[in-house]
């Protein structure tokens, strides 16, 4: 599954058949990426799609030296399980 980045719409997404999964974000005044929503169609939940979206988003943030805010519970859970991203997380 290929994860795409739509910088204009501020989202990472994957086309799965005729449906889309996505991770959306905004930028804070401080320039942090605030990951605020993850959606995976019911038929594809539990298959690692959300993890792939989140990992792609986090890797992008790291590549542009940007800190992240895990407002979305899915992202929060992911970064708590993957301590290698602690250095870019900004807890509010």
Protein backbone atom coordinates (compact mmCIF):
# COMPACT_ATOMS: atom_id res chain seq x y z
CA UNK A 1 0.00 0.00 0.00
CA UNK A 2 1.36 3.38 -1.02
CA UNK A 3 0.93 6.35 1.33
CA UNK A 4 0.62 9.68 -0.47
CA UNK A 5 1.14 13.18 0.91
CA UNK A 6 -1.17 15.99 -0.14
CA UNK A 7 0.60 19.08 1.18
CA UNK A 8 -2.12 21.41 -0.10
CA UNK A 9 -4.86 19.54 1.81
CA UNK A 10 -2.56 18.82 4.79
CA UNK A 11 -3.04 15.07 4.82
CA UNK A 12 -1.42 11.71 4.25
CA UNK A 13 -3.67 9.19 2.56
CA UNK A 14 -3.90 5.78 0.96
CA UNK A 15 -6.35 4.66 -1.69
CA UNK A 16 -7.66 1.23 -0.77
CA UNK A 17 -9.88 -0.11 -3.51
CA UNK A 18 -12.56 2.54 -3.90
CA UNK A 19 -12.05 3.98 -0.41
CA UNK A 20 -9.49 6.23 1.25
CA UNK A 21 -7.74 6.14 4.60
CA UNK A 22 -6.21 9.37 5.85
CA UNK A 23 -4.24 11.14 8.52
CA UNK A 24 -4.86 14.89 8.66
CA UNK A 25 -2.84 17.64 10.29
CA UNK A 26 -2.60 21.37 10.76
CA UNK A 27 0.32 23.62 11.63
CA UNK A 28 0.37 25.44 14.96
CA UNK A 29 1.55 29.02 15.39
CA UNK A 30 4.86 27.57 16.59
CA UNK A 31 5.18 25.61 13.34
CA UNK A 32 4.51 22.18 14.88
CA UNK A 33 2.52 19.60 12.93
CA UNK A 34 -0.65 18.82 14.89
CA UNK A 35 -1.85 15.37 13.80
CA UNK A 36 -5.54 15.73 14.54
CA UNK A 37 -7.49 12.95 12.82
CA UNK A 38 -7.05 9.44 11.46
CA UNK A 39 -9.67 7.60 9.45
CA UNK A 40 -9.57 4.06 8.11
CA UNK A 41 -12.63 2.52 6.41
CA UNK A 42 -14.27 -0.18 8.55
CA UNK A 43 -13.43 -2.90 6.05
CA UNK A 44 -9.70 -2.19 6.44
CA UNK A 45 -9.40 -1.61 10.18
CA UNK A 46 -7.09 -3.86 12.15
CA UNK A 47 -4.77 -4.39 9.20
CA UNK A 48 -2.06 -1.87 10.08
CA UNK A 49 -3.28 0.89 7.77
CA UNK A 50 -3.40 3.53 10.53
CA UNK A 51 0.10 2.59 11.69
CA UNK A 52 1.44 3.04 8.16
CA UNK A 53 -0.22 6.45 7.85
CA UNK A 54 1.10 7.60 11.22
CA UNK A 55 4.63 6.31 10.60
CA UNK A 56 4.73 8.10 7.24
CA UNK A 57 3.54 11.33 8.85
CA UNK A 58 6.08 11.10 11.64
CA UNK A 59 8.92 10.33 9.26
CA UNK A 60 7.93 13.33 7.15
CA UNK A 61 7.88 15.58 10.23
CA UNK A 62 11.32 14.35 11.20
CA UNK A 63 12.66 14.88 7.67
CA UNK A 64 11.66 18.55 7.76
CA UNK A 65 12.86 19.00 11.39
CA UNK A 66 9.34 19.59 12.62
CA UNK A 67 7.95 18.67 16.04
CA UNK A 68 4.53 17.05 16.25
CA UNK A 69 1.51 17.23 18.53
CA UNK A 70 -0.41 13.94 18.77
CA UNK A 71 -3.96 15.34 19.16
CA UNK A 72 -5.46 12.27 17.50
CA UNK A 73 -5.73 9.28 19.91
CA UNK A 74 -4.39 6.95 17.20
CA UNK A 75 -1.23 9.05 16.82
CA UNK A 76 -0.88 9.40 20.60
CA UNK A 77 -1.03 5.61 21.05
CA UNK A 78 1.47 5.08 18.23
CA UNK A 79 4.10 7.46 19.64
CA UNK A 80 3.71 5.98 23.11
CA UNK A 81 4.43 2.52 21.64
CA UNK A 82 7.30 3.74 19.43
CA UNK A 83 9.76 5.56 21.66
CA UNK A 84 12.02 6.34 18.69
CA UNK A 85 9.74 9.34 18.00
CA UNK A 86 9.97 10.84 21.51
CA UNK A 87 12.42 13.47 20.31
CA UNK A 88 9.87 15.08 17.97
CA UNK A 89 6.75 14.85 20.18
CA UNK A 90 5.44 17.97 21.87
CA UNK A 91 2.95 17.02 24.59
CA UNK A 92 0.31 19.62 25.37
